[in-house]
Amino acid sequence: MSKLAKYRLIGFAAAIVLFLIDQAMKGYVTQTLAMERGDVVELLPFFDFRLTYNFGVSLGMFQAESMEMRWILVGVTSLIALVVTVWMLREKALGEIVGLSLILGGALGNIKDRYELGYVIDYADLHFGEFRPFLIFNIADAAITIGVLIILARAFFVRDKEATPEHKSAPGAAES
């Protein structure tokens, strides 16, 4: 198996594992803990499980207020997941593949919720007193955010070796 095939296998395996962990946590909160919308389980002074349903997308934007809007969101997010999959198949660097696998696994978890339930289950509430730096989120949301940050960081800070010109002679050496 080539190095590139291994990278892609790692990426798809990571996406599947992330999807399974996300779904297991959502099941734990809704079934094992039997939480209902609005319920709170205090875990740490700065972190609770607070069950909520997200009928929108990122930051609650584009609320699905009708059945048609729900299916449009399922379609759009599925299309994005397809684009990420194709991008991952074309990518050669492990760093980008890992970032894309986080985005893909998270997207699949949220797409499954929206498809089956009409909303995404969110439960993670990070807070410092009354200050909440984030809206209530889930593992899929966190993975998507981290994946996007990896892609952005690599785009801004990691130079592509293929894009830099190769110097055939040492600096100051005379050409023959």
Foldseek 3Di string as FASTA:
>chain_A
DDPQVVLLVVLQVLLQVLLVVQVVVLCCVCPVVVDDAQDWDDDDLFKIFHKHWQQDPPPNPQGPPDPVSLVVVLVVLVVVLVVLSVVLNVDRDSLLSNLSSLLNSLSVNQSVCCVVPVTGIFTIFGGDVPHGPGDGGTSSVVSNVVSVVSVVCCVPPPDDPVPDDDDPDDPPDDDD
